[in-house]
Each structure stands twice: as C-alpha cells, then as structure tokens.
Amino acid sequence: MRNQWYWLIEARHKLYDASKLLEKAYWQLTSPTNEDDDLDAEEKITEACRLAVDAVGLFIENMFPSGQGEGEGENND
C-alpha cells in the first residue's frame, strides 16, 4: 500500500525536475552554442510548466478530495 503522503513526494519530484529544466533553459538562452538552443530552451520551459501544473494538480486533488476546495459551490459575485 502506498503511503498516504506519496503524492507529496511525487509533487516535490515534479517541482524539482521542473526547476532543473528551467535552469538548463536559462543557460541555453544566456549562453547559446547553436541556433537550435532557443527552440530547445522553449521546449524545456514548456515541459517545466507542465510538470509544475501536474504538481499543483496533485496538491489540489489530495488536499481537497472530492471537490472540497475552498469556495467550492459558493457564489463569489
């Protein structure tokens, strides 16, 4: 059986991987070695954003199960 906090470890790993991708993209953009570096950096940034969104999704799913998020069902007009 998986630990009930496994999702938190998984989210942390996703954020760590995202930070490493952003670091690599930064260096590619600030010290390009060829013309493909810009495109490769853009792909790294896109993947980093996807990982960060996945991590936030894990957090929301597990902290507010079954749609119990704050403000859920309220009219905030």
N, C-alpha and C. Protein backbone atom coordinates (compact mmCIF):
# COMPACT_ATOMS: atom_id res chain seq x y z
N MET A 1 0.84 -1.20 0.00
CA MET A 1 0.00 0.00 0.00
C MET A 1 0.88 1.25 0.00
N ARG A 2 0.49 2.19 -0.84
CA ARG A 2 1.26 3.42 -0.91
C ARG A 2 1.01 4.28 0.31
N ASN A 3 2.06 4.94 0.73
CA ASN A 3 1.96 5.87 1.85
C ASN A 3 0.95 6.96 1.49
N GLN A 4 0.18 7.41 2.47
CA GLN A 4 -0.83 8.44 2.19
C GLN A 4 -0.20 9.76 1.74
N TRP A 5 1.07 9.97 2.02
CA TRP A 5 1.75 11.19 1.62
C TRP A 5 2.61 10.99 0.38
N TYR A 6 2.45 9.85 -0.30
CA TYR A 6 3.23 9.57 -1.50
C TYR A 6 3.05 10.68 -2.53
N TRP A 7 1.85 11.20 -2.64
CA TRP A 7 1.56 12.24 -3.62
C TRP A 7 2.42 13.48 -3.38
N LEU A 8 2.70 13.77 -2.10
CA LEU A 8 3.50 14.94 -1.78
C LEU A 8 4.94 14.75 -2.26
N ILE A 9 5.46 13.54 -2.09
CA ILE A 9 6.80 13.23 -2.58
C ILE A 9 6.83 13.31 -4.10
N GLU A 10 5.80 12.78 -4.74
CA GLU A 10 5.71 12.83 -6.20
C GLU A 10 5.64 14.28 -6.69
N ALA A 11 4.86 15.11 -6.02
CA ALA A 11 4.75 16.53 -6.39
C ALA A 11 6.09 17.23 -6.22
N ARG A 12 6.79 16.91 -5.14
CA ARG A 12 8.11 17.51 -4.90
C ARG A 12 9.08 17.14 -6.02
N HIS A 13 9.06 15.89 -6.44
CA HIS A 13 9.94 15.45 -7.52
C HIS A 13 9.62 16.19 -8.83
N LYS A 14 8.33 16.39 -9.08
CA LYS A 14 7.93 17.11 -10.29
C LYS A 14 8.44 18.55 -10.25
N LEU A 15 8.32 19.19 -9.10
CA LEU A 15 8.80 20.57 -8.97
C LEU A 15 10.33 20.64 -9.08
N TYR A 16 11.00 19.65 -8.52
CA TYR A 16 12.46 19.61 -8.62
C TYR A 16 12.89 19.45 -10.08
N ASP A 17 12.24 18.52 -10.78
CA ASP A 17 12.55 18.31 -12.20
C ASP A 17 12.27 19.57 -13.01
N ALA A 18 11.17 20.25 -12.68
CA ALA A 18 10.83 21.50 -13.37
C ALA A 18 11.91 22.55 -13.14
N SER A 19 12.40 22.66 -11.91
CA SER A 19 13.43 23.66 -11.62
C SER A 19 14.72 23.36 -12.37
N LYS A 20 15.06 22.09 -12.51
CA LYS A 20 16.27 21.71 -13.25
C LYS A 20 16.12 22.04 -14.74
N LEU A 21 14.94 21.78 -15.29
CA LEU A 21 14.69 22.12 -16.69
C LEU A 21 14.78 23.63 -16.91
N LEU A 22 14.23 24.40 -15.98
CA LEU A 22 14.30 25.86 -16.11
C LEU A 22 15.74 26.36 -16.01
N GLU A 23 16.52 25.72 -15.15
CA GLU A 23 17.93 26.10 -15.03
C GLU A 23 18.67 25.82 -16.34
N LYS A 24 18.43 24.67 -16.93
CA LYS A 24 19.07 24.33 -18.21
C LYS A 24 18.63 25.30 -19.31
N ALA A 25 17.34 25.62 -19.33
CA ALA A 25 16.83 26.56 -20.33
C ALA A 25 17.47 27.94 -20.16
N TYR A 26 17.62 28.36 -18.92
CA TYR A 26 18.25 29.65 -18.65
C TYR A 26 19.65 29.70 -19.25
N TRP A 27 20.43 28.66 -19.00
CA TRP A 27 21.80 28.65 -19.51
C TRP A 27 21.83 28.56 -21.03
N GLN A 28 20.89 27.86 -21.60
CA GLN A 28 20.83 27.80 -23.07
C GLN A 28 20.50 29.16 -23.66
N LEU A 29 19.63 29.90 -23.00
CA LEU A 29 19.23 31.21 -23.52
C LEU A 29 20.29 32.28 -23.28
N THR A 30 21.03 32.16 -22.19
CA THR A 30 22.03 33.19 -21.88
C THR A 30 23.39 32.91 -22.52
N SER A 31 23.65 31.65 -22.86
CA SER A 31 24.93 31.29 -23.49
C SER A 31 24.69 30.30 -24.63
N PRO A 32 23.97 30.72 -25.67
CA PRO A 32 23.65 29.78 -26.75
C PRO A 32 24.91 29.32 -27.48
N THR A 33 24.94 28.03 -27.83
CA THR A 33 26.08 27.49 -28.57
C THR A 33 25.71 27.22 -30.02
N ASN A 34 24.41 27.13 -30.31
CA ASN A 34 23.97 26.99 -31.70
C ASN A 34 22.55 27.54 -31.82
N GLU A 35 22.08 27.65 -33.04
CA GLU A 35 20.77 28.29 -33.27
C GLU A 35 19.59 27.46 -32.79
N ASP A 36 19.80 26.19 -32.53
CA ASP A 36 18.70 25.34 -32.04
C ASP A 36 18.50 25.48 -30.53
N ASP A 37 19.42 26.16 -29.85
CA ASP A 37 19.31 26.29 -28.39
C ASP A 37 18.04 27.01 -27.97
N ASP A 38 17.61 28.02 -28.74
CA ASP A 38 16.39 28.75 -28.38
C ASP A 38 15.18 27.82 -28.41
N LEU A 39 15.08 27.00 -29.45
CA LEU A 39 13.95 26.06 -29.55
C LEU A 39 14.01 25.02 -28.45
N ASP A 40 15.20 24.50 -28.18
CA ASP A 40 15.36 23.50 -27.13
C ASP A 40 15.01 24.10 -25.77
N ALA A 41 15.43 25.34 -25.54
CA ALA A 41 15.11 26.01 -24.28
C ALA A 41 13.60 26.21 -24.15
N GLU A 42 12.95 26.56 -25.25
CA GLU A 42 11.50 26.74 -25.23
C GLU A 42 10.80 25.42 -24.87
N GLU A 43 11.28 24.32 -25.41
CA GLU A 43 10.71 23.01 -25.08
C GLU A 43 10.92 22.68 -23.61
N LYS A 44 12.08 23.02 -23.08
CA LYS A 44 12.36 22.78 -21.66
C LYS A 44 11.42 23.60 -20.77
N ILE A 45 11.21 24.84 -21.15
CA ILE A 45 10.31 25.71 -20.38
C ILE A 45 8.89 25.17 -20.42
N THR A 46 8.45 24.73 -21.59
CA THR A 46 7.10 24.16 -21.72
C THR A 46 6.95 22.92 -20.85
N GLU A 47 7.94 22.04 -20.87
CA GLU A 47 7.90 20.82 -20.06
C GLU A 47 7.94 21.17 -18.57
N ALA A 48 8.73 22.17 -18.19
CA ALA A 48 8.80 22.59 -16.79
C ALA A 48 7.45 23.10 -16.32
N CYS A 49 6.77 23.87 -17.16
CA CYS A 49 5.44 24.37 -16.80
C CYS A 49 4.44 23.23 -16.65
N ARG A 50 4.52 22.24 -17.54
CA ARG A 50 3.63 21.08 -17.46
C ARG A 50 3.86 20.33 -16.14
N LEU A 51 5.13 20.14 -15.77
CA LEU A 51 5.44 19.45 -14.52
C LEU A 51 4.93 20.23 -13.31
N ALA A 52 5.08 21.55 -13.35
CA ALA A 52 4.60 22.38 -12.24
C ALA A 52 3.09 22.32 -12.12
N VAL A 53 2.39 22.35 -13.24
CA VAL A 53 0.92 22.24 -13.22
C VAL A 53 0.51 20.87 -12.69
N ASP A 54 1.20 19.82 -13.09
CA ASP A 54 0.92 18.48 -12.57
C ASP A 54 1.10 18.43 -11.05
N ALA A 55 2.16 19.07 -10.56
CA ALA A 55 2.43 19.08 -9.12
C ALA A 55 1.32 19.81 -8.37
N VAL A 56 0.89 20.95 -8.90
CA VAL A 56 -0.20 21.70 -8.26
C VAL A 56 -1.49 20.88 -8.31
N GLY A 57 -1.73 20.18 -9.42
CA GLY A 57 -2.90 19.32 -9.53
C GLY A 57 -2.90 18.22 -8.47
N LEU A 58 -1.74 17.60 -8.25
CA LEU A 58 -1.63 16.58 -7.20
C LEU A 58 -1.96 17.17 -5.84
N PHE A 59 -1.45 18.37 -5.58
CA PHE A 59 -1.71 19.03 -4.31
C PHE A 59 -3.20 19.28 -4.11
N ILE A 60 -3.85 19.84 -5.12
CA ILE A 60 -5.28 20.15 -5.02
C ILE A 60 -6.10 18.88 -4.86
N GLU A 61 -5.81 17.86 -5.68
CA GLU A 61 -6.56 16.60 -5.60
C GLU A 61 -6.48 15.97 -4.22
N ASN A 62 -5.31 16.06 -3.59
CA ASN A 62 -5.12 15.37 -2.32
C ASN A 62 -5.44 16.21 -1.10
N MET A 63 -5.32 17.52 -1.20
CA MET A 63 -5.67 18.37 -0.07
C MET A 63 -7.17 18.66 -0.02
N PHE A 64 -7.80 18.64 -1.19
CA PHE A 64 -9.23 18.91 -1.27
C PHE A 64 -9.91 17.79 -2.06
N PRO A 65 -9.96 16.58 -1.51
CA PRO A 65 -10.55 15.46 -2.25
C PRO A 65 -12.04 15.67 -2.52
N SER A 66 -12.50 15.10 -3.59
CA SER A 66 -13.92 15.14 -3.99
C SER A 66 -14.44 16.55 -4.18
N GLY A 67 -13.60 17.44 -4.69
CA GLY A 67 -14.06 18.80 -4.98
C GLY A 67 -14.39 19.61 -3.76
N GLN A 68 -13.69 19.39 -2.66
CA GLN A 68 -13.97 20.12 -1.43
C GLN A 68 -13.10 21.37 -1.30
N GLY A 69 -12.68 21.92 -2.43
CA GLY A 69 -11.83 23.10 -2.40
C GLY A 69 -12.53 24.28 -1.77
N GLU A 70 -11.76 25.19 -1.22
CA GLU A 70 -12.31 26.38 -0.58
C GLU A 70 -13.12 27.16 -1.59
N GLY A 71 -14.30 27.55 -1.21
CA GLY A 71 -15.15 28.32 -2.10
C GLY A 71 -15.94 27.48 -3.08
N GLU A 72 -15.79 26.19 -3.02
CA GLU A 72 -16.50 25.28 -3.93
C GLU A 72 -18.00 25.43 -3.73
N GLY A 73 -18.69 25.73 -4.79
CA GLY A 73 -20.15 25.82 -4.72
C GLY A 73 -20.66 27.15 -4.21
N GLU A 74 -19.78 28.05 -3.85
CA GLU A 74 -20.22 29.35 -3.36
C GLU A 74 -20.35 30.32 -4.52
N ASN A 75 -21.22 31.28 -4.36
CA ASN A 75 -21.36 32.32 -5.37
C ASN A 75 -20.52 33.50 -4.92
N ASN A 76 -19.41 33.75 -5.61
CA ASN A 76 -18.49 34.81 -5.21
C ASN A 76 -18.63 36.06 -6.06
N ASP A 77 -19.85 36.37 -6.49
CA ASP A 77 -20.07 37.57 -7.32
C ASP A 77 -19.88 38.82 -6.53
